[in-house]
Amino acid sequence: MASEPITPKRIRVISYVDGFNLYFGLKESQFERYLWLNLFRLSLELIKPGQQLCRVKYFTSRISRPEDKRKRQTNYLEALGTLANFEIFEGQFLDKPKECFGCHRTWLDHEEKMTDVNIATQLLLDAFDDKFDTALVISGDSDLVPPIRAIRLRYPLKRIIAVFPPARTSIELRKACNAAFQIGRANLAASVFPDEVIKPDGYVLKRPPTWGPTDAEEANS
């Protein structure tokens, strides 16, 4: 009796996206045309044959000012909310008084908190619960080195890959992970949402005018 062929096990992947690290990397690279990113599609662009993208986890904090930026962020978060197998984890912005050392003028700034802690927590929980074989960490934040080292020590068969946004890198993070690479422009260009994203209730979310045009639009103009 002939034996049945053995189906190779697909490697389970979870993608962890550091929202502000990616955002500011795109801004510094003058890649505003790619801000309207479908992050599940981007993660699919980054995995290898034989791997299965199980989930994408996105980490950010909601801003409260200025109003135009708040509206763009809210619009984008709602677009991301239409994706399947996608979770958003929110930290917070804290008001922080600052003072000029020269003139002693004071003003109120705000500082983003909890993103690195939230990413570390989810990485550790998912490793403990055996939710992934490979983790993609889309960030250049070296604060993530300790939890990554802990996971690799406790679970040596699991792989953690640092995926650096444009204009972002970290020697410490590269050394802590099994491998590391930079997101390419082609990955970004292939992962932009359509200009209009329709929510389940029929509401149409439109790409902010300052977040474009895409490469295809420029080629056809």
N, C-alpha and C. Protein backbone atom coordinates (compact mmCIF):
# COMPACT_ATOMS: atom_id res chain seq x y z
N MET A 1 0.85 -1.19 0.00
CA MET A 1 0.00 0.00 0.00
C MET A 1 0.89 1.24 0.00
N ALA A 2 0.65 2.12 -0.97
CA ALA A 2 1.46 3.33 -1.08
C ALA A 2 1.16 4.29 0.06
N SER A 3 2.20 4.87 0.58
CA SER A 3 2.01 5.82 1.67
C SER A 3 1.55 7.16 1.10
N GLU A 4 0.76 7.88 1.89
CA GLU A 4 0.28 9.19 1.46
C GLU A 4 1.41 10.20 1.52
N PRO A 5 1.44 11.13 0.55
CA PRO A 5 2.49 12.15 0.57
C PRO A 5 2.37 13.03 1.82
N ILE A 6 3.51 13.41 2.34
CA ILE A 6 3.53 14.25 3.53
C ILE A 6 3.47 15.71 3.11
N THR A 7 2.48 16.43 3.64
CA THR A 7 2.34 17.85 3.33
C THR A 7 3.25 18.66 4.24
N PRO A 8 4.17 19.43 3.65
CA PRO A 8 5.08 20.21 4.50
C PRO A 8 4.30 21.19 5.39
N LYS A 9 4.76 21.31 6.63
CA LYS A 9 4.13 22.23 7.55
C LYS A 9 4.48 23.66 7.17
N ARG A 10 3.47 24.50 7.08
CA ARG A 10 3.71 25.89 6.76
C ARG A 10 4.20 26.63 8.01
N ILE A 11 5.13 27.52 7.82
CA ILE A 11 5.71 28.27 8.93
C ILE A 11 4.77 29.42 9.28
N ARG A 12 4.31 29.46 10.52
CA ARG A 12 3.37 30.49 10.97
C ARG A 12 4.11 31.78 11.28
N VAL A 13 3.58 32.88 10.74
CA VAL A 13 4.22 34.18 10.92
C VAL A 13 3.22 35.17 11.51
N ILE A 14 3.68 35.93 12.49
CA ILE A 14 2.93 37.09 12.98
C ILE A 14 3.82 38.32 12.76
N SER A 15 3.20 39.39 12.28
CA SER A 15 3.91 40.64 12.01
C SER A 15 3.54 41.67 13.09
N TYR A 16 4.56 42.29 13.67
CA TYR A 16 4.38 43.28 14.73
C TYR A 16 4.88 44.62 14.18
N VAL A 17 3.98 45.59 14.05
CA VAL A 17 4.30 46.84 13.38
C VAL A 17 4.35 47.99 14.38
N ASP A 18 5.51 48.59 14.51
CA ASP A 18 5.70 49.78 15.34
C ASP A 18 5.24 50.99 14.52
N GLY A 19 4.01 51.45 14.80
CA GLY A 19 3.37 52.44 13.95
C GLY A 19 4.15 53.74 13.77
N PHE A 20 4.60 54.33 14.86
CA PHE A 20 5.28 55.62 14.75
C PHE A 20 6.68 55.48 14.17
N ASN A 21 7.35 54.37 14.45
CA ASN A 21 8.66 54.13 13.87
C ASN A 21 8.55 54.03 12.35
N LEU A 22 7.53 53.35 11.88
CA LEU A 22 7.30 53.24 10.44
C LEU A 22 6.89 54.59 9.86
N TYR A 23 5.98 55.29 10.53
CA TYR A 23 5.48 56.57 10.03
C TYR A 23 6.60 57.59 9.85
N PHE A 24 7.41 57.75 10.89
CA PHE A 24 8.47 58.77 10.81
C PHE A 24 9.58 58.34 9.85
N GLY A 25 9.80 57.04 9.70
CA GLY A 25 10.74 56.58 8.71
C GLY A 25 10.29 56.93 7.30
N LEU A 26 9.01 56.77 7.03
CA LEU A 26 8.46 57.14 5.73
C LEU A 26 8.53 58.65 5.52
N LYS A 27 8.21 59.41 6.56
CA LYS A 27 8.25 60.87 6.45
C LYS A 27 9.67 61.35 6.17
N GLU A 28 10.65 60.84 6.91
CA GLU A 28 12.03 61.28 6.74
C GLU A 28 12.58 60.90 5.37
N SER A 29 12.04 59.83 4.80
CA SER A 29 12.48 59.39 3.48
C SER A 29 11.70 60.07 2.35
N GLN A 30 10.78 60.98 2.74
CA GLN A 30 9.91 61.67 1.78
C GLN A 30 9.08 60.65 0.99
N PHE A 31 8.60 59.65 1.71
CA PHE A 31 7.75 58.61 1.14
C PHE A 31 6.30 58.81 1.58
N GLU A 32 5.84 60.06 1.62
CA GLU A 32 4.46 60.32 2.04
C GLU A 32 3.44 59.60 1.16
N ARG A 33 3.80 59.33 -0.09
CA ARG A 33 2.89 58.65 -1.01
C ARG A 33 2.55 57.24 -0.54
N TYR A 34 3.35 56.70 0.40
CA TYR A 34 3.12 55.34 0.87
C TYR A 34 2.50 55.29 2.27
N LEU A 35 2.10 56.42 2.81
CA LEU A 35 1.54 56.42 4.16
C LEU A 35 0.20 55.71 4.24
N TRP A 36 -0.54 55.67 3.13
CA TRP A 36 -1.86 55.02 3.08
C TRP A 36 -1.64 53.52 2.88
N LEU A 37 -0.92 52.91 3.82
CA LEU A 37 -0.43 51.55 3.67
C LEU A 37 -1.41 50.51 4.18
N ASN A 38 -1.63 49.49 3.37
CA ASN A 38 -2.31 48.29 3.83
C ASN A 38 -1.24 47.41 4.49
N LEU A 39 -1.23 47.38 5.80
CA LEU A 39 -0.14 46.73 6.52
C LEU A 39 -0.20 45.21 6.47
N PHE A 40 -1.38 44.66 6.22
CA PHE A 40 -1.45 43.21 6.02
C PHE A 40 -0.80 42.87 4.68
N ARG A 41 -1.12 43.67 3.65
CA ARG A 41 -0.51 43.45 2.34
C ARG A 41 1.01 43.63 2.41
N LEU A 42 1.46 44.65 3.13
CA LEU A 42 2.90 44.87 3.28
C LEU A 42 3.56 43.67 3.93
N SER A 43 2.94 43.13 4.96
CA SER A 43 3.51 41.96 5.64
C SER A 43 3.56 40.75 4.71
N LEU A 44 2.54 40.60 3.86
CA LEU A 44 2.58 39.52 2.87
C LEU A 44 3.75 39.69 1.91
N GLU A 45 4.06 40.95 1.59
CA GLU A 45 5.20 41.23 0.72
C GLU A 45 6.52 40.80 1.35
N LEU A 46 6.55 40.75 2.67
CA LEU A 46 7.81 40.53 3.38
C LEU A 46 8.07 39.07 3.74
N ILE A 47 7.05 38.22 3.66
CA ILE A 47 7.26 36.83 4.04
C ILE A 47 7.78 36.02 2.85
N LYS A 48 8.27 34.82 3.14
CA LYS A 48 8.88 33.95 2.14
C LYS A 48 7.92 32.83 1.73
N PRO A 49 8.18 32.18 0.58
CA PRO A 49 7.39 31.00 0.22
C PRO A 49 7.46 29.94 1.32
N GLY A 50 6.33 29.30 1.57
CA GLY A 50 6.28 28.31 2.64
C GLY A 50 5.89 28.88 3.97
N GLN A 51 5.77 30.20 4.04
CA GLN A 51 5.32 30.86 5.26
C GLN A 51 3.86 31.28 5.14
N GLN A 52 3.18 31.30 6.25
CA GLN A 52 1.76 31.70 6.31
C GLN A 52 1.60 32.85 7.28
N LEU A 53 1.11 33.98 6.77
CA LEU A 53 0.87 35.14 7.63
C LEU A 53 -0.43 34.93 8.39
N CYS A 54 -0.32 34.73 9.69
CA CYS A 54 -1.49 34.42 10.52
C CYS A 54 -2.17 35.68 11.05
N ARG A 55 -1.37 36.70 11.35
CA ARG A 55 -1.93 37.88 11.99
C ARG A 55 -0.95 39.05 11.88
N VAL A 56 -1.51 40.26 11.87
CA VAL A 56 -0.70 41.47 11.94
C VAL A 56 -1.15 42.26 13.16
N LYS A 57 -0.19 42.70 13.96
CA LYS A 57 -0.48 43.49 15.15
C LYS A 57 0.18 44.86 15.00
N TYR A 58 -0.63 45.89 15.12
CA TYR A 58 -0.20 47.26 14.86
C TYR A 58 -0.24 48.06 16.16
N PHE A 59 0.84 48.75 16.45
CA PHE A 59 0.98 49.45 17.73
C PHE A 59 1.14 50.95 17.48
N THR A 60 0.27 51.74 18.12
CA THR A 60 0.28 53.18 17.90
C THR A 60 -0.33 53.87 19.11
N SER A 61 -0.42 55.18 19.04
CA SER A 61 -1.14 55.98 20.05
C SER A 61 -1.92 57.04 19.30
N ARG A 62 -3.11 57.33 19.76
CA ARG A 62 -3.93 58.35 19.11
C ARG A 62 -3.46 59.74 19.52
N ILE A 63 -3.28 60.60 18.53
CA ILE A 63 -2.90 61.98 18.82
C ILE A 63 -4.16 62.82 18.99
N SER A 64 -4.04 63.91 19.71
CA SER A 64 -5.20 64.79 19.93
C SER A 64 -5.06 66.13 19.23
N ARG A 65 -3.86 66.45 18.76
CA ARG A 65 -3.61 67.71 18.08
C ARG A 65 -2.34 67.57 17.22
N PRO A 66 -2.24 68.40 16.19
CA PRO A 66 -3.24 69.33 15.63
C PRO A 66 -4.40 68.58 14.98
N GLU A 67 -5.48 69.30 14.74
CA GLU A 67 -6.72 68.67 14.31
C GLU A 67 -6.58 67.96 12.97
N ASP A 68 -5.85 68.57 12.02
CA ASP A 68 -5.74 67.94 10.70
C ASP A 68 -5.01 66.60 10.79
N LYS A 69 -3.98 66.52 11.62
CA LYS A 69 -3.26 65.25 11.78
C LYS A 69 -4.11 64.23 12.51
N ARG A 70 -4.88 64.71 13.50
CA ARG A 70 -5.76 63.79 14.23
C ARG A 70 -6.77 63.16 13.29
N LYS A 71 -7.34 63.96 12.39
CA LYS A 71 -8.33 63.44 11.45
C LYS A 71 -7.71 62.43 10.49
N ARG A 72 -6.49 62.73 10.00
CA ARG A 72 -5.83 61.79 9.09
C ARG A 72 -5.53 60.47 9.79
N GLN A 73 -5.09 60.54 11.05
CA GLN A 73 -4.80 59.31 11.77
C GLN A 73 -6.07 58.50 12.01
N THR A 74 -7.14 59.18 12.43
CA THR A 74 -8.41 58.48 12.66
C THR A 74 -8.90 57.81 11.39
N ASN A 75 -8.80 58.51 10.28
CA ASN A 75 -9.20 57.97 8.98
C ASN A 75 -8.40 56.71 8.65
N TYR A 76 -7.11 56.78 8.90
CA TYR A 76 -6.24 55.64 8.59
C TYR A 76 -6.52 54.45 9.50
N LEU A 77 -6.72 54.72 10.80
CA LEU A 77 -7.01 53.63 11.72
C LEU A 77 -8.32 52.93 11.35
N GLU A 78 -9.29 53.70 10.86
CA GLU A 78 -10.55 53.09 10.43
C GLU A 78 -10.33 52.25 9.18
N ALA A 79 -9.45 52.68 8.29
CA ALA A 79 -9.13 51.88 7.11
C ALA A 79 -8.46 50.57 7.52
N LEU A 80 -7.51 50.65 8.45
CA LEU A 80 -6.87 49.43 8.94
C LEU A 80 -7.87 48.51 9.63
N GLY A 81 -8.88 49.10 10.25
CA GLY A 81 -9.89 48.32 10.95
C GLY A 81 -10.74 47.46 10.03
N THR A 82 -10.66 47.69 8.72
CA THR A 82 -11.42 46.86 7.77
C THR A 82 -10.69 45.56 7.44
N LEU A 83 -9.43 45.43 7.86
CA LEU A 83 -8.62 44.27 7.50
C LEU A 83 -8.93 43.08 8.40
N ALA A 84 -8.90 41.89 7.81
CA ALA A 84 -9.08 40.65 8.58
C ALA A 84 -7.76 40.26 9.22
N ASN A 85 -7.84 39.53 10.33
CA ASN A 85 -6.65 39.05 11.05
C ASN A 85 -5.69 40.20 11.36
N PHE A 86 -6.26 41.28 11.84
CA PHE A 86 -5.51 42.49 12.12
C PHE A 86 -5.97 43.06 13.45
N GLU A 87 -5.01 43.42 14.31
CA GLU A 87 -5.33 44.01 15.61
C GLU A 87 -4.58 45.31 15.80
N ILE A 88 -5.22 46.26 16.46
CA ILE A 88 -4.58 47.53 16.79
C ILE A 88 -4.45 47.63 18.30
N PHE A 89 -3.24 47.93 18.76
CA PHE A 89 -2.95 48.09 20.18
C PHE A 89 -2.54 49.54 20.41
N GLU A 90 -3.26 50.21 21.28
CA GLU A 90 -3.03 51.64 21.48
C GLU A 90 -2.31 51.93 22.79
N GLY A 91 -1.29 52.78 22.70
CA GLY A 91 -0.64 53.35 23.87
C GLY A 91 -1.30 54.68 24.18
N GLN A 92 -0.49 55.66 24.58
CA GLN A 92 -1.06 56.96 24.88
C GLN A 92 0.00 58.05 24.74
N PHE A 93 -0.49 59.26 24.51
CA PHE A 93 0.38 60.43 24.53
C PHE A 93 0.20 61.12 25.88
N LEU A 94 1.33 61.48 26.50
CA LEU A 94 1.29 62.19 27.77
C LEU A 94 1.82 63.60 27.57
N ASP A 95 1.11 64.58 28.15
CA ASP A 95 1.61 65.96 28.11
C ASP A 95 2.87 66.06 28.97
N LYS A 96 3.87 66.76 28.42
CA LYS A 96 5.15 66.87 29.11
C LYS A 96 5.65 68.31 29.03
N PRO A 97 5.70 69.03 30.17
CA PRO A 97 6.20 70.41 30.16
C PRO A 97 7.67 70.45 29.75
N LYS A 98 8.04 71.43 28.93
CA LYS A 98 9.43 71.62 28.53
C LYS A 98 9.82 73.08 28.73
N GLU A 99 11.12 73.30 28.91
CA GLU A 99 11.62 74.65 29.17
C GLU A 99 12.87 74.91 28.34
N CYS A 100 12.95 76.10 27.75
CA CYS A 100 14.13 76.52 27.02
C CYS A 100 15.22 76.90 28.02
N PHE A 101 16.40 76.29 27.88
CA PHE A 101 17.48 76.57 28.83
C PHE A 101 18.00 78.01 28.69
N GLY A 102 17.83 78.61 27.51
CA GLY A 102 18.33 79.97 27.30
C GLY A 102 17.40 81.04 27.84
N CYS A 103 16.13 81.03 27.34
CA CYS A 103 15.19 82.09 27.71
C CYS A 103 14.22 81.67 28.81
N HIS A 104 14.25 80.38 29.17
CA HIS A 104 13.37 79.82 30.23
C HIS A 104 11.89 79.87 29.85
N ARG A 105 11.62 80.02 28.57
CA ARG A 105 10.22 79.94 28.13
C ARG A 105 9.76 78.49 28.26
N THR A 106 8.54 78.30 28.72
CA THR A 106 8.00 76.95 28.90
C THR A 106 6.86 76.71 27.93
N TRP A 107 6.68 75.47 27.56
CA TRP A 107 5.57 75.08 26.70
C TRP A 107 5.21 73.63 27.00
N LEU A 108 4.04 73.23 26.50
CA LEU A 108 3.55 71.88 26.76
C LEU A 108 3.73 71.04 25.50
N ASP A 109 4.56 70.02 25.61
CA ASP A 109 4.78 69.08 24.52
C ASP A 109 4.08 67.77 24.86
N HIS A 110 4.07 66.83 23.96
CA HIS A 110 3.49 65.53 24.29
C HIS A 110 4.44 64.43 23.85
N GLU A 111 4.42 63.33 24.58
CA GLU A 111 5.36 62.23 24.38
C GLU A 111 4.60 60.92 24.29
N GLU A 112 4.93 60.14 23.26
CA GLU A 112 4.26 58.86 23.05
C GLU A 112 4.80 57.82 24.02
N LYS A 113 3.89 57.06 24.64
CA LYS A 113 4.28 56.07 25.64
C LYS A 113 3.64 54.72 25.34
N MET A 114 4.29 53.67 25.79
CA MET A 114 3.76 52.31 25.87
C MET A 114 3.90 51.48 24.60
N THR A 115 4.28 52.06 23.46
CA THR A 115 4.35 51.26 22.24
C THR A 115 5.35 50.11 22.40
N ASP A 116 6.57 50.42 22.84
CA ASP A 116 7.58 49.36 22.95
C ASP A 116 7.17 48.32 24.00
N VAL A 117 6.53 48.77 25.07
CA VAL A 117 6.06 47.83 26.10
C VAL A 117 4.96 46.93 25.54
N ASN A 118 4.04 47.51 24.78
CA ASN A 118 2.96 46.72 24.18
C ASN A 118 3.50 45.70 23.18
N ILE A 119 4.48 46.10 22.37
CA ILE A 119 5.07 45.16 21.42
C ILE A 119 5.76 44.03 22.17
N ALA A 120 6.55 44.39 23.18
CA ALA A 120 7.26 43.38 23.96
C ALA A 120 6.29 42.39 24.61
N THR A 121 5.20 42.92 25.16
CA THR A 121 4.21 42.06 25.82
C THR A 121 3.59 41.08 24.84
N GLN A 122 3.19 41.56 23.67
CA GLN A 122 2.58 40.68 22.68
C GLN A 122 3.56 39.64 22.14
N LEU A 123 4.80 40.05 21.91
CA LEU A 123 5.81 39.09 21.47
C LEU A 123 5.98 37.97 22.49
N LEU A 124 6.11 38.34 23.76
CA LEU A 124 6.32 37.35 24.80
C LEU A 124 5.12 36.43 24.97
N LEU A 125 3.91 37.01 24.96
CA LEU A 125 2.70 36.20 25.11
C LEU A 125 2.53 35.24 23.94
N ASP A 126 2.76 35.73 22.73
CA ASP A 126 2.58 34.88 21.55
C ASP A 126 3.63 33.77 21.49
N ALA A 127 4.84 34.07 21.94
CA ALA A 127 5.86 33.02 22.01
C ALA A 127 5.48 31.98 23.05
N PHE A 128 5.04 32.44 24.22
CA PHE A 128 4.65 31.53 25.31
C PHE A 128 3.47 30.65 24.88
N ASP A 129 2.51 31.25 24.15
CA ASP A 129 1.32 30.50 23.71
C ASP A 129 1.55 29.76 22.39
N ASP A 130 2.76 29.78 21.87
CA ASP A 130 3.14 29.11 20.63
C ASP A 130 2.24 29.53 19.47
N LYS A 131 2.11 30.86 19.29
CA LYS A 131 1.26 31.38 18.23
C LYS A 131 2.04 31.59 16.92
N PHE A 132 3.37 31.62 16.98
CA PHE A 132 4.14 31.83 15.76
C PHE A 132 5.39 30.96 15.74
N ASP A 133 5.86 30.72 14.53
CA ASP A 133 7.18 30.11 14.34
C ASP A 133 8.21 31.20 14.01
N THR A 134 7.74 32.23 13.29
CA THR A 134 8.59 33.36 12.93
C THR A 134 7.83 34.65 13.24
N ALA A 135 8.52 35.60 13.84
CA ALA A 135 7.94 36.91 14.12
C ALA A 135 8.68 37.95 13.29
N LEU A 136 7.91 38.77 12.57
CA LEU A 136 8.47 39.93 11.88
C LEU A 136 8.27 41.15 12.77
N VAL A 137 9.34 41.80 13.15
CA VAL A 137 9.25 42.98 14.00
C VAL A 137 9.60 44.19 13.13
N ILE A 138 8.57 44.92 12.71
CA ILE A 138 8.78 46.07 11.82
C ILE A 138 9.05 47.29 12.68
N SER A 139 10.32 47.52 12.97
CA SER A 139 10.73 48.60 13.86
C SER A 139 12.25 48.71 13.83
N GLY A 140 12.74 49.86 14.22
CA GLY A 140 14.16 50.05 14.43
C GLY A 140 14.47 50.44 15.86
N ASP A 141 13.56 50.11 16.78
CA ASP A 141 13.67 50.53 18.17
C ASP A 141 14.49 49.52 18.98
N SER A 142 15.64 49.94 19.46
CA SER A 142 16.51 49.03 20.21
C SER A 142 15.95 48.68 21.58
N ASP A 143 14.90 49.37 22.04
CA ASP A 143 14.27 49.01 23.31
C ASP A 143 13.65 47.61 23.26
N LEU A 144 13.47 47.07 22.06
CA LEU A 144 12.88 45.73 21.91
C LEU A 144 13.91 44.62 22.04
N VAL A 145 15.18 44.98 22.21
CA VAL A 145 16.23 43.96 22.30
C VAL A 145 16.03 43.00 23.48
N PRO A 146 15.75 43.49 24.73
CA PRO A 146 15.62 42.55 25.86
C PRO A 146 14.55 41.47 25.67
N PRO A 147 13.29 41.81 25.27
CA PRO A 147 12.32 40.73 25.09
C PRO A 147 12.68 39.78 23.96
N ILE A 148 13.31 40.29 22.91
CA ILE A 148 13.71 39.42 21.80
C ILE A 148 14.79 38.44 22.27
N ARG A 149 15.76 38.92 23.03
CA ARG A 149 16.78 38.02 23.56
C ARG A 149 16.17 36.96 24.47
N ALA A 150 15.19 37.37 25.28
CA ALA A 150 14.55 36.43 26.20
C ALA A 150 13.81 35.33 25.42
N ILE A 151 13.11 35.71 24.35
CA ILE A 151 12.39 34.73 23.55
C ILE A 151 13.36 33.77 22.88
N ARG A 152 14.44 34.29 22.34
CA ARG A 152 15.40 33.42 21.65
C ARG A 152 16.10 32.47 22.62
N LEU A 153 16.29 32.92 23.86
CA LEU A 153 16.91 32.06 24.86
C LEU A 153 15.95 30.96 25.30
N ARG A 154 14.68 31.32 25.52
CA ARG A 154 13.70 30.35 26.02
C ARG A 154 13.15 29.46 24.91
N TYR A 155 13.01 30.02 23.70
CA TYR A 155 12.42 29.29 22.58
C TYR A 155 13.37 29.34 21.38
N PRO A 156 14.46 28.60 21.41
CA PRO A 156 15.49 28.72 20.37
C PRO A 156 15.05 28.32 18.97
N LEU A 157 13.96 27.57 18.84
CA LEU A 157 13.49 27.18 17.51
C LEU A 157 12.67 28.28 16.83
N LYS A 158 12.24 29.27 17.60
CA LYS A 158 11.48 30.36 17.01
C LYS A 158 12.45 31.40 16.42
N ARG A 159 12.06 31.97 15.29
CA ARG A 159 12.90 32.96 14.63
C ARG A 159 12.25 34.35 14.74
N ILE A 160 13.07 35.33 15.01
CA ILE A 160 12.59 36.71 15.06
C ILE A 160 13.42 37.52 14.07
N ILE A 161 12.71 38.17 13.17
CA ILE A 161 13.34 38.92 12.09
C ILE A 161 13.04 40.41 12.28
N ALA A 162 14.09 41.22 12.32
CA ALA A 162 13.92 42.67 12.37
C ALA A 162 13.73 43.18 10.95
N VAL A 163 12.66 43.93 10.76
CA VAL A 163 12.38 44.53 9.45
C VAL A 163 12.42 46.04 9.64
N PHE A 164 13.47 46.67 9.15
CA PHE A 164 13.66 48.10 9.40
C PHE A 164 12.87 48.94 8.41
N PRO A 165 12.07 49.90 8.92
CA PRO A 165 11.42 50.86 8.04
C PRO A 165 12.46 51.71 7.32
N PRO A 166 12.07 52.42 6.26
CA PRO A 166 13.00 53.35 5.62
C PRO A 166 13.56 54.34 6.64
N ALA A 167 14.84 54.65 6.51
CA ALA A 167 15.53 55.62 7.38
C ALA A 167 15.59 55.17 8.84
N ARG A 168 15.41 53.88 9.09
CA ARG A 168 15.48 53.37 10.45
C ARG A 168 16.36 52.12 10.47
N THR A 169 17.23 52.02 11.46
CA THR A 169 18.03 50.82 11.64
C THR A 169 18.55 50.78 13.08
N SER A 170 19.02 49.65 13.51
CA SER A 170 19.57 49.50 14.86
C SER A 170 20.55 48.33 14.84
N ILE A 171 21.81 48.61 15.15
CA ILE A 171 22.81 47.56 15.21
C ILE A 171 22.47 46.57 16.31
N GLU A 172 22.01 47.09 17.46
CA GLU A 172 21.67 46.22 18.60
C GLU A 172 20.51 45.29 18.25
N LEU A 173 19.50 45.83 17.58
CA LEU A 173 18.35 45.02 17.22
C LEU A 173 18.74 43.97 16.17
N ARG A 174 19.57 44.37 15.23
CA ARG A 174 20.05 43.44 14.21
C ARG A 174 20.78 42.25 14.86
N LYS A 175 21.62 42.55 15.83
CA LYS A 175 22.38 41.50 16.50
C LYS A 175 21.49 40.59 17.34
N ALA A 176 20.43 41.15 17.91
CA ALA A 176 19.55 40.37 18.79
C ALA A 176 18.67 39.40 18.03
N CYS A 177 18.39 39.69 16.76
CA CYS A 177 17.45 38.89 15.97
C CYS A 177 18.19 37.81 15.17
N ASN A 178 17.42 36.86 14.64
CA ASN A 178 18.00 35.84 13.77
C ASN A 178 18.47 36.41 12.45
N ALA A 179 17.76 37.45 11.97
CA ALA A 179 18.11 38.09 10.71
C ALA A 179 17.48 39.47 10.70
N ALA A 180 17.88 40.28 9.73
CA ALA A 180 17.33 41.63 9.61
C ALA A 180 17.45 42.09 8.17
N PHE A 181 16.48 42.92 7.74
CA PHE A 181 16.55 43.53 6.43
C PHE A 181 15.72 44.80 6.41
N GLN A 182 15.87 45.58 5.37
CA GLN A 182 15.16 46.87 5.25
C GLN A 182 13.96 46.71 4.31
N ILE A 183 12.88 47.40 4.64
CA ILE A 183 11.73 47.43 3.73
C ILE A 183 12.13 48.18 2.46
N GLY A 184 11.86 47.58 1.32
CA GLY A 184 12.20 48.21 0.05
C GLY A 184 11.07 49.06 -0.49
N ARG A 185 11.42 49.97 -1.37
CA ARG A 185 10.41 50.84 -1.96
C ARG A 185 9.38 50.04 -2.76
N ALA A 186 9.83 48.97 -3.41
CA ALA A 186 8.90 48.13 -4.18
C ALA A 186 7.86 47.48 -3.26
N ASN A 187 8.29 47.07 -2.05
CA ASN A 187 7.34 46.50 -1.08
C ASN A 187 6.27 47.52 -0.72
N LEU A 188 6.68 48.76 -0.52
CA LEU A 188 5.74 49.82 -0.16
C LEU A 188 4.79 50.12 -1.31
N ALA A 189 5.33 50.25 -2.51
CA ALA A 189 4.51 50.60 -3.67
C ALA A 189 3.44 49.55 -3.95
N ALA A 190 3.74 48.28 -3.63
CA ALA A 190 2.79 47.20 -3.88
C ALA A 190 1.75 47.06 -2.78
N SER A 191 1.85 47.88 -1.73
CA SER A 191 1.02 47.65 -0.54
C SER A 191 0.12 48.82 -0.16
N VAL A 192 -0.04 49.79 -1.05
CA VAL A 192 -0.88 50.94 -0.75
C VAL A 192 -2.35 50.58 -0.93
N PHE A 193 -3.19 51.02 0.01
CA PHE A 193 -4.64 50.85 -0.12
C PHE A 193 -5.13 51.52 -1.41
N PRO A 194 -6.27 51.08 -1.94
CA PRO A 194 -6.94 51.87 -2.97
C PRO A 194 -7.28 53.26 -2.43
N ASP A 195 -7.49 54.21 -3.32
CA ASP A 195 -7.81 55.58 -2.88
C ASP A 195 -9.01 55.61 -1.95
N GLU A 196 -9.95 54.70 -2.17
CA GLU A 196 -11.16 54.63 -1.34
C GLU A 196 -11.27 53.25 -0.71
N VAL A 197 -11.47 53.24 0.60
CA VAL A 197 -11.66 52.01 1.35
C VAL A 197 -13.08 52.04 1.92
N ILE A 198 -13.84 51.02 1.64
CA ILE A 198 -15.25 50.98 2.06
C ILE A 198 -15.38 50.16 3.34
N LYS A 199 -15.94 50.77 4.37
CA LYS A 199 -16.18 50.08 5.63
C LYS A 199 -17.38 49.14 5.50
N PRO A 200 -17.54 48.18 6.42
CA PRO A 200 -18.68 47.26 6.34
C PRO A 200 -20.04 47.96 6.33
N ASP A 201 -20.15 49.14 6.94
CA ASP A 201 -21.42 49.86 6.96
C ASP A 201 -21.63 50.71 5.70
N GLY A 202 -20.70 50.62 4.75
CA GLY A 202 -20.83 51.36 3.50
C GLY A 202 -20.15 52.71 3.48
N TYR A 203 -19.64 53.16 4.62
CA TYR A 203 -18.97 54.46 4.67
C TYR A 203 -17.66 54.39 3.89
N VAL A 204 -17.38 55.42 3.11
CA VAL A 204 -16.20 55.44 2.26
C VAL A 204 -15.09 56.27 2.92
N LEU A 205 -13.96 55.64 3.14
CA LEU A 205 -12.78 56.32 3.67
C LEU A 205 -11.86 56.67 2.51
N LYS A 206 -11.45 57.93 2.42
CA LYS A 206 -10.63 58.37 1.29
C LYS A 206 -9.21 58.66 1.74
N ARG A 207 -8.27 58.33 0.88
CA ARG A 207 -6.87 58.63 1.15
C ARG A 207 -6.69 60.13 1.32
N PRO A 208 -6.01 60.57 2.38
CA PRO A 208 -5.75 62.01 2.54
C PRO A 208 -4.98 62.56 1.33
N PRO A 209 -5.33 63.73 0.84
CA PRO A 209 -4.67 64.30 -0.35
C PRO A 209 -3.16 64.43 -0.20
N THR A 210 -2.68 64.65 1.02
CA THR A 210 -1.23 64.80 1.22
C THR A 210 -0.50 63.46 1.24
N TRP A 211 -1.24 62.36 1.25
CA TRP A 211 -0.65 61.03 1.24
C TRP A 211 -0.68 60.45 -0.17
N GLY A 212 -0.01 61.08 -1.09
CA GLY A 212 0.01 60.61 -2.47
C GLY A 212 0.80 61.60 -3.30
N PRO A 213 0.89 61.38 -4.63
CA PRO A 213 0.28 60.29 -5.38
C PRO A 213 1.12 59.02 -5.31
N THR A 214 0.56 57.90 -5.78
CA THR A 214 1.30 56.66 -5.84
C THR A 214 2.15 56.63 -7.09
N ASP A 215 3.05 55.64 -7.17
CA ASP A 215 3.92 55.50 -8.35
C ASP A 215 3.09 55.30 -9.61
N ALA A 216 2.01 54.47 -9.50
CA ALA A 216 1.17 54.19 -10.68
C ALA A 216 0.49 55.46 -11.18
N GLU A 217 0.05 56.31 -10.25
CA GLU A 217 -0.61 57.55 -10.63
C GLU A 217 0.37 58.48 -11.34
N GLU A 218 1.59 58.53 -10.84
CA GLU A 218 2.58 59.39 -11.48
C GLU A 218 2.93 58.89 -12.87
N ALA A 219 2.98 57.56 -13.04
CA ALA A 219 3.33 56.99 -14.33
C ALA A 219 2.25 57.27 -15.36
N ASN A 220 0.99 57.35 -14.88
CA ASN A 220 -0.13 57.57 -15.80
C ASN A 220 -0.48 59.03 -15.99
N SER A 221 0.23 59.92 -15.26
CA SER A 221 -0.10 61.33 -15.36
C SER A 221 0.57 61.99 -16.56
